[in-house]
Protein backbone atom coordinates (compact mmCIF):
# COMPACT_ATOMS: atom_id res chain seq x y z
CA MET A 1 -6.97 -15.32 24.46
CA ILE A 2 -8.18 -11.72 24.83
CA ARG A 3 -7.53 -9.71 27.98
CA THR A 4 -9.05 -6.32 28.80
CA ALA A 5 -8.19 -3.62 31.32
CA ASP A 6 -9.83 -0.22 31.75
CA ARG A 7 -8.15 3.01 32.77
CA PRO A 8 -9.48 6.59 32.58
CA GLY A 9 -10.64 7.20 29.02
CA VAL A 10 -9.07 4.04 27.58
CA ARG A 11 -9.88 0.35 27.35
CA VAL A 12 -6.73 -1.70 26.73
CA VAL A 13 -7.46 -4.83 24.69
CA THR A 14 -4.58 -7.29 24.66
CA LEU A 15 -4.16 -10.22 22.31
CA ASP A 16 -2.84 -12.64 24.90
CA ARG A 17 -1.45 -15.74 23.24
CA PRO A 18 2.27 -15.00 23.11
CA GLU A 19 3.30 -18.63 22.65
CA ARG A 20 1.63 -18.46 19.20
CA ARG A 21 2.61 -14.83 18.51
CA ASN A 22 -1.00 -13.91 19.30
CA ALA A 23 -2.38 -15.84 16.32
CA LEU A 24 -6.17 -15.85 16.32
CA THR A 25 -8.59 -18.76 16.24
CA PRO A 26 -12.32 -18.39 15.46
CA ASP A 27 -13.05 -18.18 19.20
CA GLY A 28 -10.33 -15.59 19.61
CA LEU A 29 -11.91 -13.46 16.91
CA ASP A 30 -15.25 -13.59 18.73
CA GLU A 31 -13.57 -12.59 21.99
CA LEU A 32 -11.87 -9.66 20.28
CA GLU A 33 -15.10 -8.42 18.76
CA ALA A 34 -16.82 -8.55 22.15
CA ALA A 35 -13.95 -6.78 23.92
CA VAL A 36 -14.13 -3.84 21.52
CA ALA A 37 -17.94 -3.72 21.30
CA ASP A 38 -18.31 -3.72 25.10
CA ALA A 39 -15.88 -0.86 25.66
CA ASP A 40 -17.38 2.02 27.61
CA ARG A 41 -14.34 4.28 27.13
CA PRO A 42 -13.92 6.72 24.21
CA VAL A 43 -10.61 5.10 23.15
CA VAL A 44 -9.56 1.48 22.75
CA SER A 45 -5.86 0.61 22.73
CA LEU A 46 -5.27 -2.69 20.90
CA ARG A 47 -1.95 -4.41 21.63
CA GLY A 48 -0.25 -7.80 21.58
CA GLU A 49 1.30 -9.59 24.53
CA GLY A 50 4.95 -10.58 24.28
CA SER A 51 7.28 -10.04 21.33
CA ALA A 52 4.65 -9.80 18.55
CA PHE A 53 1.56 -7.77 17.80
CA CYS A 54 -0.32 -10.49 15.94
CA ALA A 55 0.62 -13.29 13.53
CA GLY A 56 -2.86 -13.26 12.03
CA ALA A 57 -4.92 -16.41 11.66
CA ASP A 58 -3.66 -19.53 13.42
CA LEU A 59 -2.38 -21.58 10.48
CA ASP A 60 -2.69 -24.82 12.46
CA VAL A 61 -6.42 -24.14 12.53
CA VAL A 62 -6.56 -23.03 8.90
CA ALA A 63 -4.78 -26.17 7.66
CA ASP A 64 -7.61 -28.40 8.92
CA LEU A 65 -10.50 -26.38 7.47
CA THR A 66 -12.70 -27.55 4.63
CA ARG A 67 -13.37 -25.14 1.78
CA GLU A 68 -16.68 -24.13 3.32
CA GLU A 69 -15.15 -23.73 6.79
CA ALA A 70 -12.31 -21.62 5.36
CA GLU A 71 -14.82 -19.31 3.68
CA ALA A 72 -16.70 -19.00 6.98
CA PHE A 73 -13.45 -18.25 8.83
CA ALA A 74 -12.64 -15.48 6.34
CA GLU A 75 -16.13 -14.04 6.79
CA ARG A 76 -15.70 -14.18 10.57
CA GLY A 77 -12.46 -12.21 10.35
CA GLN A 78 -14.09 -9.69 8.02
CA ARG A 79 -16.97 -9.25 10.45
CA VAL A 80 -14.59 -8.54 13.34
CA ALA A 81 -12.52 -6.09 11.28
CA ASP A 82 -15.72 -4.34 10.21
CA ALA A 83 -16.84 -4.17 13.84
CA ILE A 84 -13.54 -2.53 14.80
CA GLU A 85 -13.78 -0.05 11.93
CA THR A 86 -17.36 0.99 12.71
CA CYS A 87 -17.46 0.89 16.51
CA ASP A 88 -18.39 3.95 18.58
CA THR A 89 -14.91 4.25 20.06
CA VAL A 90 -11.63 5.38 18.50
CA VAL A 91 -9.37 2.34 18.17
CA VAL A 92 -5.60 2.69 18.25
CA ALA A 93 -3.46 -0.28 17.23
CA GLY A 94 -0.20 -0.24 19.17
CA ILE A 95 2.13 -2.41 17.10
CA ASP A 96 5.28 -3.64 18.84
CA GLY A 97 7.07 -6.42 17.00
CA PRO A 98 5.77 -8.42 14.02
CA ALA A 99 2.33 -7.91 12.48
CA ARG A 100 1.63 -10.54 9.88
CA GLY A 101 -1.31 -11.34 7.59
CA GLY A 102 -4.51 -11.02 9.61
CA GLY A 103 -2.60 -9.01 12.21
CA VAL A 104 -1.95 -6.34 9.58
CA GLU A 105 -5.60 -6.53 8.52
CA LEU A 106 -6.90 -6.00 12.05
CA ALA A 107 -4.56 -3.03 12.39
CA LEU A 108 -5.86 -1.63 9.08
CA ALA A 109 -9.37 -1.61 10.56
CA CYS A 110 -8.23 0.62 13.45
CA ASP A 111 -8.46 4.41 13.31
CA LEU A 112 -4.77 4.87 14.07
CA ARG A 113 -1.81 2.52 13.73
CA VAL A 114 1.06 3.47 16.00
CA ALA A 115 4.26 1.44 15.75
CA THR A 116 7.34 1.09 17.87
CA PRO A 117 10.74 1.08 16.13
CA GLU A 118 10.73 -2.74 16.55
CA ALA A 119 7.50 -3.20 14.58
CA THR A 120 7.55 -5.02 11.23
CA PHE A 121 4.77 -5.70 8.75
CA ALA A 122 4.12 -8.32 6.09
CA GLU A 123 1.34 -9.96 4.10
CA PRO A 124 3.20 -13.24 3.55
CA GLY A 125 0.30 -15.37 2.33
CA ALA A 126 1.50 -15.61 -1.27
CA LYS A 127 4.55 -17.54 -0.06
CA PHE A 128 2.38 -20.46 1.03
CA GLY A 129 -0.65 -20.22 -1.24
CA LEU A 130 -2.93 -17.84 0.65
CA PHE A 131 -3.74 -14.14 0.92
CA GLY A 132 -5.19 -11.73 3.48
CA ALA A 133 -8.96 -12.32 3.47
CA TRP A 134 -10.06 -10.36 6.54
CA GLY A 135 -10.72 -7.31 4.38
CA GLY A 136 -7.07 -6.85 3.48
CA THR A 137 -7.58 -6.55 -0.27
CA VAL A 138 -10.07 -3.74 0.43
CA ARG A 139 -8.40 -1.72 3.19
CA LEU A 140 -4.73 -2.05 2.24
CA PRO A 141 -5.01 -0.31 -1.18
CA ARG A 142 -7.35 2.28 0.33
CA ILE A 143 -4.73 3.20 2.92
CA VAL A 144 -1.38 2.83 1.11
CA GLY A 145 -2.47 2.95 -2.54
CA GLU A 146 -2.91 0.17 -5.06
CA GLY A 147 0.76 0.04 -6.08
CA GLU A 148 2.08 -0.38 -2.55
CA ALA A 149 -0.70 -2.83 -1.71
CA LEU A 150 0.09 -5.05 -4.66
CA ASP A 151 3.81 -4.92 -3.91
CA LEU A 152 3.27 -5.99 -0.31
CA ALA A 153 0.72 -8.72 -1.09
CA LEU A 154 2.37 -10.16 -4.20
CA SER A 155 5.91 -10.17 -2.83
CA GLY A 156 5.16 -11.07 0.78
CA ARG A 157 8.08 -8.85 1.74
CA THR A 158 8.59 -7.48 5.24
CA VAL A 159 8.78 -3.75 5.88
CA ASP A 160 10.04 -2.05 9.02
CA ALA A 161 8.35 0.73 10.97
CA GLU A 162 10.00 3.59 9.11
CA ALA A 163 9.07 2.16 5.71
CA ALA A 164 5.52 1.60 6.98
CA LEU A 165 5.41 5.25 8.10
CA ARG A 166 6.58 6.50 4.70
CA MET A 167 3.90 4.56 2.83
CA GLY A 168 1.14 5.60 5.27
CA LEU A 169 0.63 2.14 6.73
CA VAL A 170 1.24 3.57 10.22
CA SER A 171 0.46 7.01 11.60
CA ARG A 172 3.39 7.39 13.99
CA VAL A 173 6.50 5.63 15.22
CA THR A 174 7.03 5.98 18.96
CA ASP A 175 8.44 4.02 21.87
CA ASP A 176 5.10 4.06 23.70
CA PRO A 177 1.98 3.54 21.55
CA GLY A 178 -0.17 3.40 24.66
CA ALA A 179 0.65 7.03 25.36
CA VAL A 180 -0.98 7.99 22.06
CA ALA A 181 -4.24 6.40 23.20
CA ASP A 182 -3.99 8.39 26.46
CA GLU A 183 -3.35 11.55 24.44
CA LEU A 184 -6.51 11.03 22.42
CA ALA A 185 -8.53 10.27 25.55
CA ASP A 186 -7.80 13.78 26.82
CA ASN A 187 -10.05 15.16 24.07
CA ASP A 188 -13.83 15.49 24.07
CA PRO A 189 -15.36 11.99 23.63
CA GLU A 190 -18.27 13.08 21.45
CA THR A 191 -15.94 14.99 19.16
CA LEU A 192 -13.67 11.95 18.86
CA ARG A 193 -16.62 9.80 17.84
CA THR A 194 -17.84 12.38 15.37
CA ILE A 195 -14.47 12.83 13.66
CA ALA A 196 -13.97 9.08 13.35
CA GLU A 197 -17.50 8.64 11.96
CA ARG A 198 -17.03 11.39 9.38
CA VAL A 199 -13.64 10.13 8.19
CA ARG A 200 -14.92 6.54 7.94
CA ASP A 201 -17.95 7.60 5.85
CA ARG A 202 -17.83 6.00 2.38
CA SER A 203 -20.86 7.80 1.00
CA ASP A 204 -20.73 10.00 -2.10
CA PRO A 205 -18.96 13.37 -1.61
CA ALA A 206 -22.16 15.43 -1.55
CA THR A 207 -23.65 13.24 1.18
CA GLN A 208 -20.40 13.39 3.15
CA ARG A 209 -20.36 17.20 3.02
CA ALA A 210 -23.98 17.43 4.14
CA ARG A 211 -23.32 15.06 7.05
CA GLU A 212 -20.16 16.98 7.93
CA ALA A 213 -22.08 20.26 8.21
CA GLU A 214 -24.86 18.62 10.24
CA ALA A 215 -22.32 17.08 12.63
CA PHE A 216 -20.52 20.40 13.06
CA GLY A 217 -23.79 22.12 13.87
CA ARG A 218 -24.59 19.45 16.44
CA LEU A 219 -21.25 19.92 18.18
CA VAL A 220 -21.51 23.72 18.19
CA ALA A 221 -24.98 23.42 19.76
CA ARG A 222 -23.43 21.43 22.61
CA VAL A 223 -21.42 24.51 23.65
CA GLY A 224 -24.66 26.06 24.86
CA ASP A 225 -25.48 22.87 26.70
CA GLY A 226 -22.50 23.07 29.01
CA VAL A 227 -19.55 21.87 26.97
CA ALA A 228 -16.48 24.09 27.47
CA ASP A 229 -16.32 27.09 25.15
CA PRO A 230 -13.65 26.38 22.49
CA ARG A 231 -12.48 29.98 22.82
CA ASP A 232 -11.18 29.10 26.28
CA ARG A 233 -8.69 26.63 24.82
CA ASP A 234 -5.01 27.52 24.38
């Protein structure tokens, strides 16, 4: 269900179940978590095979779950999204085609969301009695604001790539999301990790500022340890 390929600086992680629009089962979630956690490249490029990015949870699986099993499935999805958000690599979601429900939530956990013009986004759960429970009610309002998050989740409406860009749901719209991952991989890996770690930090502002200064000092000290002098950059 999950396929990986490594190239210089980038691990490409592909959701490879196109016949189900890359919908994820519990086993598929575990495979995805392992594929990201095992990456030994500074950047991970997350993509979907075929015409969709990800349809979210496989509803054929969800329909047969007991209440307790459904709660466990939600917790499993939350764990995987948390693992993506906190991993040591920078994760870029390359969204080409539909992202629905859990597919949106996995993208929200990534550091960057880069869409093609064909990408569309929706949290359609309210139409059939569900909602996004892989951390969607936490990350969506944090990223697009409470008003936009409620509108998307309560209405179940679909937005295109340009609308997603305007509301901050995606970072860029481009024909080749994979090229953005390659662009990031040209930068210093330790600096990439540090920036992602600092931006992800949910501590109080004073703690964040102290950690920011400490991290900057650590990076500056690396210049004397053989890292290229920043003054040599264009």
